[in-house]
Structure formats: structure tokens, C-alpha cells
Amino acid sequence: MTVKEHIINVINRSQDGSLFFNNSFPNYDDVYVRQILSELCGQELISRISYGIYVKPMRSKFGVVFPPVGDIIKAIAKRDKAKILPTGNTAMNLLGLSTQVPMNSEYITSGSAREIKLGNRTIRLRRSVPKNFAYKGELMPVLVQALKAIGKEDLTDEHIGIIRKLLTEHPEEKTWQKDLQLAPAWIRKIVTTLKKEINHE
């Protein structure tokens, strides 16, 4: 069996929506694998969604269906050994601080910046400073990104109510105080006030 036949066999056996990278076949030369994957794109066996990132498309009567954005982000983070966080409208929507579902998804990463095309949608990964990835909890880093996107002046009572609910459901007692030291002063004040109110209920 040739290298190309082996790669085709692996792709054919994989589930629709599976992601492949140039280094998904570590027994073979990266450059040669990239060449083969590029050829298979031309044969429509897979689709290239970004440089070095390919997907076995799921097809429906409406056309090509791409994997969920979250699955793609997790695969990239694992491959790059990088940390990735939602930011902007993506972070707001994830936490329920916005009801608008953004067409384009925004993330910051400790790895390489890149843009991924999924039909008429785009995933943007922007390289950011290590401080944004120094949080120990899961809620606080995303909450900080969401609040930065909203802005101090545009924060409403409705936002505060949602944040209170999030902090109640995800107390992160072992990490929130240290994590909060990484946040801007106005965010520290809001979270600290809400935490005190929650603890006295």
C-alpha cells in the first residue's frame, strides 16, 4: 500500500466531520503529506479550511456541513499545544450576555494567529499576551473577555443579573480571587461586589 493509499484509507474510515492536519500522519514526511492532502482536496474527498487544516465534509441535501466551531477549536488547541479563549461577541454569546449569534467567531490564542473559512463563516484566531491565559478557573477568563467586549459604560442591569447567576452556578472558590487580580480594576470591582452579595444570601 502506498502512502497516498494509506492516507485515503484512513480518511475513508473516519467519521464525517473529522479533522486532519499535515502532522496527522507522523510516520510520513510533512511536506509529502501536505501534497497528498492538497490533491485529495482537488478530488473533493476532503476540504481545506485553513493552511494545514483539512476536514472530511459532512454532506446533506443543503450542501456541505462543517463540524461545530468548538470541535475545530479544541482540535487546533490540541495540535498546537496552545490555549484558546473566546473573545468579543463570541465570549458574550457563550455566557448568555448577548442573544445575537455572531456569524464570525473570535478567539485569542497563545499559538499562531490564523483565519479559518467555513463556507460563509469565519473563525479568527488572534495571538494574544500570556497574561490572558494565566487564569486557573474556567469561567473567569471568558467572563473577563466578555466584559471587555461589552465595556464599562455599556454594562446594564440585565448583564449584572446574568453575571450574578454565572458566579452563583460556577463559584470557583479556589481560584476566583487570584484570577481576578489579572482583570482590569473595573471588572474586579463588579465581580468582588457580586461575590460578597452572593455569599451573604
N, C-alpha and C. Protein backbone atom coordinates (compact mmCIF):
# COMPACT_ATOMS: atom_id res chain seq x y z
N MET A 1 0.85 -1.20 0.00
CA MET A 1 0.00 0.00 0.00
C MET A 1 0.88 1.25 0.00
N THR A 2 0.62 2.16 -0.92
CA THR A 2 1.40 3.40 -0.98
C THR A 2 0.97 4.34 0.14
N VAL A 3 1.78 5.39 0.34
CA VAL A 3 1.45 6.39 1.36
C VAL A 3 0.10 7.03 1.05
N LYS A 4 -0.11 7.37 -0.21
CA LYS A 4 -1.37 8.00 -0.61
C LYS A 4 -2.55 7.07 -0.35
N GLU A 5 -2.39 5.81 -0.69
CA GLU A 5 -3.47 4.83 -0.46
C GLU A 5 -3.77 4.69 1.03
N HIS A 6 -2.71 4.71 1.84
CA HIS A 6 -2.91 4.61 3.29
C HIS A 6 -3.69 5.81 3.82
N ILE A 7 -3.31 7.01 3.37
CA ILE A 7 -3.99 8.23 3.83
C ILE A 7 -5.45 8.23 3.38
N ILE A 8 -5.70 7.83 2.14
CA ILE A 8 -7.08 7.75 1.64
C ILE A 8 -7.88 6.76 2.46
N ASN A 9 -7.25 5.63 2.79
CA ASN A 9 -7.92 4.60 3.58
C ASN A 9 -8.31 5.13 4.97
N VAL A 10 -7.39 5.87 5.59
CA VAL A 10 -7.66 6.45 6.92
C VAL A 10 -8.82 7.44 6.83
N ILE A 11 -8.80 8.28 5.81
CA ILE A 11 -9.86 9.29 5.64
C ILE A 11 -11.20 8.61 5.38
N ASN A 12 -11.20 7.60 4.53
CA ASN A 12 -12.46 6.90 4.21
C ASN A 12 -13.06 6.21 5.44
N ARG A 13 -12.19 5.73 6.34
CA ARG A 13 -12.68 5.04 7.54
C ARG A 13 -13.11 6.01 8.64
N SER A 14 -12.71 7.25 8.51
CA SER A 14 -13.01 8.24 9.55
C SER A 14 -14.45 8.74 9.44
N GLN A 15 -14.94 9.30 10.52
CA GLN A 15 -16.29 9.85 10.53
C GLN A 15 -16.35 11.15 9.74
N ASP A 16 -17.51 11.44 9.18
CA ASP A 16 -17.71 12.74 8.54
C ASP A 16 -17.50 13.83 9.59
N GLY A 17 -16.81 14.88 9.20
CA GLY A 17 -16.52 15.96 10.14
C GLY A 17 -15.16 15.83 10.81
N SER A 18 -14.45 14.72 10.53
CA SER A 18 -13.12 14.53 11.12
C SER A 18 -12.14 15.56 10.57
N LEU A 19 -11.24 16.01 11.43
CA LEU A 19 -10.24 16.99 11.04
C LEU A 19 -8.89 16.32 10.82
N PHE A 20 -8.15 16.82 9.85
CA PHE A 20 -6.81 16.29 9.56
C PHE A 20 -5.83 17.45 9.43
N PHE A 21 -4.61 17.22 9.92
CA PHE A 21 -3.54 18.20 9.81
C PHE A 21 -2.38 17.54 9.05
N ASN A 22 -1.42 18.36 8.65
CA ASN A 22 -0.25 17.80 7.97
C ASN A 22 0.46 16.78 8.85
N ASN A 23 0.41 16.99 10.17
CA ASN A 23 1.10 16.07 11.09
C ASN A 23 0.18 15.01 11.66
N SER A 24 -0.98 14.81 11.03
CA SER A 24 -1.88 13.73 11.46
C SER A 24 -1.34 12.36 11.07
N PHE A 25 -0.31 12.36 10.22
CA PHE A 25 0.28 11.10 9.75
C PHE A 25 1.78 11.16 10.05
N PRO A 26 2.15 11.02 11.33
CA PRO A 26 3.53 11.27 11.77
C PRO A 26 4.57 10.33 11.19
N ASN A 27 4.14 9.20 10.63
CA ASN A 27 5.11 8.26 10.06
C ASN A 27 5.63 8.71 8.70
N TYR A 28 5.01 9.76 8.17
CA TYR A 28 5.38 10.21 6.82
C TYR A 28 5.86 11.67 6.85
N ASP A 29 6.61 12.03 5.83
CA ASP A 29 7.14 13.39 5.70
C ASP A 29 6.00 14.41 5.59
N ASP A 30 6.09 15.48 6.40
CA ASP A 30 5.04 16.51 6.43
C ASP A 30 4.78 17.12 5.06
N VAL A 31 5.85 17.43 4.35
CA VAL A 31 5.71 18.08 3.04
C VAL A 31 4.98 17.16 2.06
N TYR A 32 5.32 15.88 2.10
CA TYR A 32 4.68 14.91 1.21
C TYR A 32 3.21 14.74 1.58
N VAL A 33 2.94 14.68 2.88
CA VAL A 33 1.55 14.55 3.35
C VAL A 33 0.74 15.76 2.89
N ARG A 34 1.32 16.96 3.02
CA ARG A 34 0.62 18.18 2.60
C ARG A 34 0.28 18.12 1.12
N GLN A 35 1.21 17.60 0.33
CA GLN A 35 0.98 17.48 -1.12
C GLN A 35 -0.18 16.53 -1.41
N ILE A 36 -0.20 15.41 -0.69
CA ILE A 36 -1.27 14.42 -0.89
C ILE A 36 -2.62 14.99 -0.45
N LEU A 37 -2.64 15.64 0.70
CA LEU A 37 -3.89 16.22 1.20
C LEU A 37 -4.42 17.29 0.24
N SER A 38 -3.50 18.05 -0.35
CA SER A 38 -3.89 19.06 -1.33
C SER A 38 -4.53 18.40 -2.56
N GLU A 39 -3.95 17.28 -2.99
CA GLU A 39 -4.52 16.54 -4.13
C GLU A 39 -5.91 16.02 -3.80
N LEU A 40 -6.09 15.54 -2.57
CA LEU A 40 -7.38 14.98 -2.17
C LEU A 40 -8.44 16.06 -2.05
N CYS A 41 -8.00 17.30 -1.80
CA CYS A 41 -8.94 18.44 -1.82
C CYS A 41 -9.48 18.62 -3.24
N GLY A 42 -8.57 18.50 -4.21
CA GLY A 42 -8.98 18.63 -5.61
C GLY A 42 -9.96 17.55 -6.02
N GLN A 43 -9.85 16.39 -5.38
CA GLN A 43 -10.77 15.28 -5.67
C GLN A 43 -12.02 15.33 -4.79
N GLU A 44 -12.10 16.38 -3.94
CA GLU A 44 -13.26 16.64 -3.06
C GLU A 44 -13.48 15.53 -2.02
N LEU A 45 -12.41 14.80 -1.70
CA LEU A 45 -12.51 13.82 -0.62
C LEU A 45 -12.47 14.54 0.73
N ILE A 46 -11.70 15.64 0.78
CA ILE A 46 -11.62 16.49 1.97
C ILE A 46 -11.68 17.95 1.51
N SER A 47 -11.87 18.86 2.47
CA SER A 47 -11.87 20.30 2.18
C SER A 47 -10.83 20.98 3.06
N ARG A 48 -10.12 21.96 2.49
CA ARG A 48 -9.16 22.72 3.29
C ARG A 48 -9.87 23.92 3.89
N ILE A 49 -9.82 24.06 5.22
CA ILE A 49 -10.50 25.18 5.87
C ILE A 49 -9.51 26.25 6.35
N SER A 50 -8.23 25.92 6.37
CA SER A 50 -7.17 26.88 6.67
C SER A 50 -5.86 26.23 6.27
N TYR A 51 -4.78 26.99 6.31
CA TYR A 51 -3.49 26.43 5.94
C TYR A 51 -3.15 25.25 6.85
N GLY A 52 -2.98 24.07 6.25
CA GLY A 52 -2.61 22.88 7.01
C GLY A 52 -3.73 22.23 7.79
N ILE A 53 -4.98 22.70 7.60
CA ILE A 53 -6.12 22.13 8.32
C ILE A 53 -7.17 21.69 7.31
N TYR A 54 -7.54 20.42 7.40
CA TYR A 54 -8.49 19.84 6.44
C TYR A 54 -9.63 19.14 7.18
N VAL A 55 -10.77 19.03 6.54
CA VAL A 55 -11.92 18.37 7.15
C VAL A 55 -12.55 17.42 6.14
N LYS A 56 -13.00 16.27 6.65
CA LYS A 56 -13.80 15.38 5.82
C LYS A 56 -15.23 15.89 5.92
N PRO A 57 -15.74 16.51 4.88
CA PRO A 57 -17.02 17.22 4.99
C PRO A 57 -18.21 16.29 5.18
N MET A 58 -19.15 16.79 5.98
CA MET A 58 -20.44 16.13 6.11
C MET A 58 -21.35 16.72 5.03
N ARG A 59 -21.97 15.89 4.26
CA ARG A 59 -22.80 16.39 3.17
C ARG A 59 -24.27 16.12 3.46
N SER A 60 -25.09 17.12 3.18
CA SER A 60 -26.54 16.98 3.33
C SER A 60 -27.20 17.48 2.05
N LYS A 61 -28.52 17.41 2.00
CA LYS A 61 -29.22 17.89 0.80
C LYS A 61 -29.07 19.40 0.63
N PHE A 62 -28.60 20.07 1.72
CA PHE A 62 -28.40 21.52 1.64
C PHE A 62 -26.96 21.88 1.30
N GLY A 63 -26.10 20.86 1.16
CA GLY A 63 -24.70 21.11 0.83
C GLY A 63 -23.76 20.62 1.91
N VAL A 64 -22.57 21.21 1.97
CA VAL A 64 -21.54 20.79 2.92
C VAL A 64 -21.87 21.32 4.32
N VAL A 65 -21.78 20.45 5.32
CA VAL A 65 -21.98 20.84 6.72
C VAL A 65 -20.66 20.68 7.45
N PHE A 66 -20.16 21.75 8.04
CA PHE A 66 -18.88 21.71 8.73
C PHE A 66 -19.06 21.32 10.20
N PRO A 67 -18.01 20.81 10.84
CA PRO A 67 -18.10 20.46 12.26
C PRO A 67 -18.38 21.71 13.10
N PRO A 68 -18.90 21.54 14.33
CA PRO A 68 -19.10 22.69 15.22
C PRO A 68 -17.79 23.44 15.45
N VAL A 69 -17.90 24.75 15.59
CA VAL A 69 -16.72 25.58 15.81
C VAL A 69 -15.92 25.10 17.02
N GLY A 70 -16.63 24.72 18.09
CA GLY A 70 -15.96 24.26 19.31
C GLY A 70 -15.07 23.06 19.06
N ASP A 71 -15.52 22.13 18.21
CA ASP A 71 -14.72 20.94 17.90
C ASP A 71 -13.45 21.32 17.15
N ILE A 72 -13.58 22.28 16.24
CA ILE A 72 -12.42 22.73 15.46
C ILE A 72 -11.40 23.41 16.38
N ILE A 73 -11.90 24.26 17.27
CA ILE A 73 -11.03 24.99 18.20
C ILE A 73 -10.28 24.01 19.11
N LYS A 74 -10.99 23.00 19.64
CA LYS A 74 -10.35 22.01 20.51
C LYS A 74 -9.26 21.24 19.77
N ALA A 75 -9.54 20.89 18.51
CA ALA A 75 -8.56 20.14 17.72
C ALA A 75 -7.31 20.98 17.45
N ILE A 76 -7.50 22.26 17.15
CA ILE A 76 -6.36 23.15 16.90
C ILE A 76 -5.55 23.34 18.18
N ALA A 77 -6.24 23.54 19.30
CA ALA A 77 -5.54 23.72 20.59
C ALA A 77 -4.71 22.50 20.93
N LYS A 78 -5.27 21.31 20.70
CA LYS A 78 -4.55 20.07 20.98
C LYS A 78 -3.36 19.91 20.06
N ARG A 79 -3.57 20.18 18.77
CA ARG A 79 -2.48 20.03 17.79
C ARG A 79 -1.34 21.01 18.09
N ASP A 80 -1.70 22.28 18.37
CA ASP A 80 -0.69 23.32 18.58
C ASP A 80 -0.16 23.37 20.01
N LYS A 81 -0.78 22.53 20.90
CA LYS A 81 -0.46 22.62 22.33
C LYS A 81 -0.60 24.07 22.80
N ALA A 82 -1.70 24.68 22.39
CA ALA A 82 -1.95 26.10 22.67
C ALA A 82 -3.21 26.28 23.51
N LYS A 83 -3.30 27.41 24.16
CA LYS A 83 -4.52 27.79 24.87
C LYS A 83 -5.33 28.72 23.96
N ILE A 84 -6.64 28.51 23.94
CA ILE A 84 -7.51 29.32 23.09
C ILE A 84 -8.72 29.75 23.91
N LEU A 85 -9.05 31.04 23.83
CA LEU A 85 -10.19 31.59 24.57
C LEU A 85 -11.12 32.35 23.65
N PRO A 86 -12.44 32.22 23.85
CA PRO A 86 -13.37 33.05 23.08
C PRO A 86 -13.23 34.50 23.52
N THR A 87 -13.42 35.42 22.61
CA THR A 87 -13.34 36.84 22.94
C THR A 87 -14.44 37.58 22.19
N GLY A 88 -14.59 38.86 22.46
CA GLY A 88 -15.57 39.67 21.75
C GLY A 88 -16.99 39.13 21.85
N ASN A 89 -17.72 39.23 20.74
CA ASN A 89 -19.11 38.77 20.70
C ASN A 89 -19.24 37.27 20.96
N THR A 90 -18.21 36.51 20.61
CA THR A 90 -18.23 35.06 20.83
C THR A 90 -18.28 34.75 22.32
N ALA A 91 -17.46 35.44 23.11
CA ALA A 91 -17.46 35.25 24.57
C ALA A 91 -18.79 35.70 25.17
N MET A 92 -19.31 36.83 24.69
CA MET A 92 -20.60 37.34 25.19
C MET A 92 -21.72 36.35 24.93
N ASN A 93 -21.76 35.80 23.72
CA ASN A 93 -22.81 34.85 23.36
C ASN A 93 -22.69 33.56 24.14
N LEU A 94 -21.47 33.09 24.34
CA LEU A 94 -21.23 31.84 25.06
C LEU A 94 -21.75 31.91 26.50
N LEU A 95 -21.63 33.08 27.12
CA LEU A 95 -22.06 33.24 28.51
C LEU A 95 -23.50 33.74 28.64
N GLY A 96 -24.16 33.94 27.51
CA GLY A 96 -25.54 34.41 27.56
C GLY A 96 -25.67 35.90 27.78
N LEU A 97 -24.57 36.65 27.62
CA LEU A 97 -24.59 38.10 27.79
C LEU A 97 -25.01 38.82 26.51
N SER A 98 -25.21 38.06 25.46
CA SER A 98 -25.74 38.58 24.20
C SER A 98 -26.57 37.48 23.55
N THR A 99 -27.71 37.85 22.99
CA THR A 99 -28.56 36.86 22.33
C THR A 99 -28.25 36.76 20.85
N GLN A 100 -27.42 37.66 20.36
CA GLN A 100 -27.05 37.63 18.94
C GLN A 100 -25.98 36.56 18.70
N VAL A 101 -26.25 35.70 17.73
CA VAL A 101 -25.27 34.67 17.36
C VAL A 101 -24.38 35.25 16.27
N PRO A 102 -23.10 35.51 16.57
CA PRO A 102 -22.23 36.14 15.57
C PRO A 102 -21.94 35.21 14.39
N MET A 103 -21.97 35.77 13.20
CA MET A 103 -21.63 34.97 12.00
C MET A 103 -20.17 34.54 12.05
N ASN A 104 -19.32 35.44 12.52
CA ASN A 104 -17.90 35.15 12.61
C ASN A 104 -17.52 34.93 14.07
N SER A 105 -16.68 33.94 14.33
CA SER A 105 -16.27 33.60 15.69
C SER A 105 -14.88 34.18 15.97
N GLU A 106 -14.74 34.78 17.15
CA GLU A 106 -13.48 35.43 17.53
C GLU A 106 -12.84 34.71 18.72
N TYR A 107 -11.55 34.44 18.59
CA TYR A 107 -10.81 33.79 19.68
C TYR A 107 -9.44 34.43 19.81
N ILE A 108 -8.87 34.35 21.00
CA ILE A 108 -7.47 34.69 21.19
C ILE A 108 -6.73 33.39 21.48
N THR A 109 -5.46 33.34 21.11
CA THR A 109 -4.69 32.11 21.26
C THR A 109 -3.27 32.39 21.71
N SER A 110 -2.69 31.42 22.40
CA SER A 110 -1.27 31.51 22.75
C SER A 110 -0.42 30.94 21.62
N GLY A 111 -1.08 30.38 20.61
CA GLY A 111 -0.40 29.80 19.46
C GLY A 111 -0.38 30.76 18.27
N SER A 112 -0.44 30.20 17.08
CA SER A 112 -0.34 31.01 15.87
C SER A 112 -1.68 31.64 15.50
N ALA A 113 -1.63 32.88 15.02
CA ALA A 113 -2.83 33.55 14.51
C ALA A 113 -3.21 32.89 13.19
N ARG A 114 -4.51 32.76 12.95
CA ARG A 114 -4.96 32.19 11.68
C ARG A 114 -6.42 32.53 11.45
N GLU A 115 -6.85 32.33 10.23
CA GLU A 115 -8.25 32.54 9.85
C GLU A 115 -8.75 31.28 9.19
N ILE A 116 -9.92 30.81 9.63
CA ILE A 116 -10.49 29.56 9.13
C ILE A 116 -11.82 29.86 8.46
N LYS A 117 -11.98 29.41 7.24
CA LYS A 117 -13.20 29.65 6.47
C LYS A 117 -14.09 28.42 6.52
N LEU A 118 -15.34 28.61 6.95
CA LEU A 118 -16.34 27.54 6.97
C LEU A 118 -17.52 28.01 6.13
N GLY A 119 -17.42 27.83 4.83
CA GLY A 119 -18.47 28.35 3.96
C GLY A 119 -18.47 29.87 4.02
N ASN A 120 -19.61 30.46 4.44
CA ASN A 120 -19.68 31.92 4.54
C ASN A 120 -19.37 32.43 5.95
N ARG A 121 -18.86 31.54 6.80
CA ARG A 121 -18.49 31.92 8.16
C ARG A 121 -16.97 31.91 8.31
N THR A 122 -16.50 32.66 9.28
CA THR A 122 -15.06 32.75 9.52
C THR A 122 -14.75 32.59 11.01
N ILE A 123 -13.71 31.84 11.31
CA ILE A 123 -13.18 31.76 12.68
C ILE A 123 -11.85 32.50 12.67
N ARG A 124 -11.74 33.51 13.52
CA ARG A 124 -10.49 34.27 13.59
C ARG A 124 -9.79 33.98 14.91
N LEU A 125 -8.54 33.57 14.82
CA LEU A 125 -7.71 33.35 16.00
C LEU A 125 -6.62 34.41 16.01
N ARG A 126 -6.61 35.23 17.04
CA ARG A 126 -5.65 36.32 17.16
C ARG A 126 -4.69 36.00 18.30
N ARG A 127 -3.41 36.09 18.02
CA ARG A 127 -2.41 35.81 19.06
C ARG A 127 -2.48 36.89 20.13
N SER A 128 -2.42 36.46 21.40
CA SER A 128 -2.54 37.42 22.49
C SER A 128 -1.45 37.19 23.54
N VAL A 129 -1.40 38.10 24.51
CA VAL A 129 -0.33 38.09 25.52
C VAL A 129 -0.56 36.96 26.54
N PRO A 130 0.51 36.43 27.14
CA PRO A 130 0.40 35.32 28.10
C PRO A 130 -0.54 35.60 29.27
N LYS A 131 -0.64 36.86 29.68
CA LYS A 131 -1.48 37.22 30.83
C LYS A 131 -2.92 36.74 30.66
N ASN A 132 -3.43 36.78 29.43
CA ASN A 132 -4.82 36.38 29.18
C ASN A 132 -5.05 34.88 29.37
N PHE A 133 -3.96 34.12 29.44
CA PHE A 133 -4.09 32.66 29.56
C PHE A 133 -3.56 32.15 30.91
N ALA A 134 -3.34 33.09 31.84
CA ALA A 134 -2.77 32.73 33.15
C ALA A 134 -3.84 32.36 34.18
N TYR A 135 -5.10 32.46 33.80
CA TYR A 135 -6.20 32.14 34.72
C TYR A 135 -6.23 30.64 35.03
N LYS A 136 -6.65 30.31 36.25
CA LYS A 136 -6.76 28.91 36.67
C LYS A 136 -8.18 28.38 36.53
N GLY A 137 -9.17 29.24 36.71
CA GLY A 137 -10.57 28.83 36.60
C GLY A 137 -11.02 28.78 35.15
N GLU A 138 -12.23 28.31 34.93
CA GLU A 138 -12.77 28.21 33.57
C GLU A 138 -13.69 29.38 33.23
N LEU A 139 -14.47 29.84 34.22
CA LEU A 139 -15.40 30.94 33.96
C LEU A 139 -14.70 32.28 33.85
N MET A 140 -13.80 32.58 34.78
CA MET A 140 -13.25 33.93 34.90
C MET A 140 -12.56 34.44 33.63
N PRO A 141 -11.73 33.64 32.95
CA PRO A 141 -11.08 34.18 31.74
C PRO A 141 -12.07 34.54 30.64
N VAL A 142 -13.12 33.74 30.49
CA VAL A 142 -14.13 34.02 29.46
C VAL A 142 -14.97 35.22 29.88
N LEU A 143 -15.31 35.30 31.17
CA LEU A 143 -16.10 36.42 31.68
C LEU A 143 -15.35 37.74 31.48
N VAL A 144 -14.06 37.74 31.75
CA VAL A 144 -13.26 38.95 31.58
C VAL A 144 -13.26 39.38 30.11
N GLN A 145 -13.09 38.44 29.20
CA GLN A 145 -13.12 38.76 27.77
C GLN A 145 -14.49 39.32 27.36
N ALA A 146 -15.55 38.72 27.88
CA ALA A 146 -16.91 39.18 27.55
C ALA A 146 -17.15 40.59 28.08
N LEU A 147 -16.73 40.85 29.31
CA LEU A 147 -16.93 42.18 29.90
C LEU A 147 -16.11 43.25 29.18
N LYS A 148 -14.92 42.90 28.76
CA LYS A 148 -14.11 43.84 27.97
C LYS A 148 -14.83 44.19 26.68
N ALA A 149 -15.48 43.19 26.07
CA ALA A 149 -16.20 43.42 24.82
C ALA A 149 -17.42 44.33 25.03
N ILE A 150 -18.11 44.14 26.15
CA ILE A 150 -19.29 44.97 26.45
C ILE A 150 -18.85 46.40 26.77
N GLY A 151 -17.84 46.52 27.62
CA GLY A 151 -17.35 47.83 28.04
C GLY A 151 -18.05 48.32 29.30
N LYS A 152 -17.31 49.03 30.12
CA LYS A 152 -17.81 49.51 31.42
C LYS A 152 -19.06 50.38 31.26
N GLU A 153 -19.05 51.25 30.27
CA GLU A 153 -20.15 52.22 30.11
C GLU A 153 -21.42 51.58 29.57
N ASP A 154 -21.31 50.44 28.91
CA ASP A 154 -22.49 49.81 28.29
C ASP A 154 -23.04 48.64 29.09
N LEU A 155 -22.51 48.44 30.28
CA LEU A 155 -22.98 47.34 31.13
C LEU A 155 -24.35 47.68 31.71
N THR A 156 -25.32 46.78 31.56
CA THR A 156 -26.69 47.04 32.01
C THR A 156 -27.03 46.20 33.25
N ASP A 157 -28.17 46.52 33.85
CA ASP A 157 -28.65 45.73 34.99
C ASP A 157 -28.91 44.28 34.57
N GLU A 158 -29.35 44.11 33.33
CA GLU A 158 -29.59 42.75 32.83
C GLU A 158 -28.28 41.97 32.77
N HIS A 159 -27.22 42.62 32.30
CA HIS A 159 -25.90 41.98 32.27
C HIS A 159 -25.48 41.57 33.69
N ILE A 160 -25.67 42.48 34.64
CA ILE A 160 -25.28 42.22 36.03
C ILE A 160 -26.03 41.00 36.58
N GLY A 161 -27.31 40.91 36.25
CA GLY A 161 -28.12 39.76 36.70
C GLY A 161 -27.60 38.45 36.14
N ILE A 162 -27.20 38.46 34.87
CA ILE A 162 -26.67 37.25 34.24
C ILE A 162 -25.32 36.87 34.86
N ILE A 163 -24.48 37.88 35.11
CA ILE A 163 -23.17 37.62 35.72
C ILE A 163 -23.34 37.04 37.12
N ARG A 164 -24.29 37.60 37.88
CA ARG A 164 -24.57 37.08 39.23
C ARG A 164 -24.94 35.60 39.16
N LYS A 165 -25.78 35.24 38.20
CA LYS A 165 -26.21 33.85 38.03
C LYS A 165 -25.02 32.95 37.67
N LEU A 166 -24.15 33.45 36.80
CA LEU A 166 -22.97 32.68 36.40
C LEU A 166 -22.04 32.45 37.59
N LEU A 167 -21.84 33.48 38.39
CA LEU A 167 -20.95 33.37 39.55
C LEU A 167 -21.55 32.45 40.62
N THR A 168 -22.87 32.41 40.70
CA THR A 168 -23.53 31.52 41.66
C THR A 168 -23.41 30.07 41.22
N GLU A 169 -23.59 29.83 39.92
CA GLU A 169 -23.55 28.47 39.38
C GLU A 169 -22.12 27.94 39.25
N HIS A 170 -21.16 28.84 39.10
CA HIS A 170 -19.75 28.44 38.93
C HIS A 170 -18.89 29.25 39.92
N PRO A 171 -18.96 28.90 41.21
CA PRO A 171 -18.29 29.72 42.24
C PRO A 171 -16.76 29.77 42.13
N GLU A 172 -16.15 28.69 41.67
CA GLU A 172 -14.69 28.63 41.52
C GLU A 172 -13.97 29.21 42.75
N GLU A 173 -14.39 28.74 43.92
CA GLU A 173 -13.91 29.30 45.18
C GLU A 173 -12.39 29.23 45.35
N LYS A 174 -11.76 28.21 44.78
CA LYS A 174 -10.32 28.03 44.97
C LYS A 174 -9.48 28.94 44.06
N THR A 175 -10.12 29.50 43.03
CA THR A 175 -9.32 30.23 42.03
C THR A 175 -9.75 31.66 41.76
N TRP A 176 -11.00 32.03 42.08
CA TRP A 176 -11.52 33.31 41.57
C TRP A 176 -10.76 34.53 42.08
N GLN A 177 -10.32 34.50 43.34
CA GLN A 177 -9.64 35.68 43.89
C GLN A 177 -8.30 35.94 43.21
N LYS A 178 -7.53 34.88 43.00
CA LYS A 178 -6.24 35.05 42.30
C LYS A 178 -6.47 35.40 40.83
N ASP A 179 -7.46 34.76 40.23
CA ASP A 179 -7.77 35.05 38.82
C ASP A 179 -8.17 36.51 38.64
N LEU A 180 -8.89 37.04 39.60
CA LEU A 180 -9.41 38.40 39.48
C LEU A 180 -8.29 39.44 39.47
N GLN A 181 -7.14 39.09 40.04
CA GLN A 181 -6.00 40.02 40.04
C GLN A 181 -5.49 40.28 38.62
N LEU A 182 -5.83 39.40 37.70
CA LEU A 182 -5.39 39.56 36.31
C LEU A 182 -6.33 40.44 35.51
N ALA A 183 -7.50 40.76 36.08
CA ALA A 183 -8.54 41.51 35.36
C ALA A 183 -8.39 43.01 35.56
N PRO A 184 -8.95 43.82 34.65
CA PRO A 184 -8.96 45.28 34.85
C PRO A 184 -9.68 45.66 36.15
N ALA A 185 -9.33 46.81 36.72
CA ALA A 185 -9.85 47.23 38.02
C ALA A 185 -11.38 47.29 38.05
N TRP A 186 -12.00 47.80 36.98
CA TRP A 186 -13.46 47.95 37.00
C TRP A 186 -14.17 46.59 37.00
N ILE A 187 -13.55 45.59 36.38
CA ILE A 187 -14.11 44.24 36.39
C ILE A 187 -13.92 43.61 37.76
N ARG A 188 -12.76 43.83 38.37
CA ARG A 188 -12.51 43.33 39.73
C ARG A 188 -13.57 43.85 40.70
N LYS A 189 -13.90 45.12 40.57
CA LYS A 189 -14.87 45.75 41.46
C LYS A 189 -16.25 45.11 41.31
N ILE A 190 -16.68 44.91 40.07
CA ILE A 190 -18.00 44.31 39.81
C ILE A 190 -18.09 42.90 40.37
N VAL A 191 -17.10 42.08 40.05
CA VAL A 191 -17.12 40.68 40.47
C VAL A 191 -17.02 40.57 42.00
N THR A 192 -16.14 41.37 42.61
CA THR A 192 -15.99 41.33 44.07
C THR A 192 -17.29 41.71 44.77
N THR A 193 -17.95 42.75 44.27
CA THR A 193 -19.23 43.19 44.86
C THR A 193 -20.27 42.09 44.75
N LEU A 194 -20.38 41.47 43.58
CA LEU A 194 -21.36 40.40 43.38
C LEU A 194 -21.05 39.18 44.24
N LYS A 195 -19.77 38.86 44.37
CA LYS A 195 -19.37 37.72 45.20
C LYS A 195 -19.77 37.94 46.66
N LYS A 196 -19.57 39.15 47.15
CA LYS A 196 -19.94 39.47 48.53
C LYS A 196 -21.45 39.34 48.73
N GLU A 197 -22.21 39.83 47.75
CA GLU A 197 -23.67 39.75 47.83
C GLU A 197 -24.13 38.29 47.83
N ILE A 198 -23.52 37.48 46.97
CA ILE A 198 -23.88 36.06 46.86
C ILE A 198 -23.58 35.33 48.17
N ASN A 199 -22.42 35.61 48.75
CA ASN A 199 -22.01 34.93 49.99
C ASN A 199 -22.86 35.31 51.19
N HIS A 200 -23.56 36.46 51.11
CA HIS A 200 -24.39 36.91 52.23
C HIS A 200 -25.86 36.55 52.04
N GLU A 201 -26.18 35.87 50.94
CA GLU A 201 -27.58 35.49 50.69
C GLU A 201 -27.97 34.28 51.54
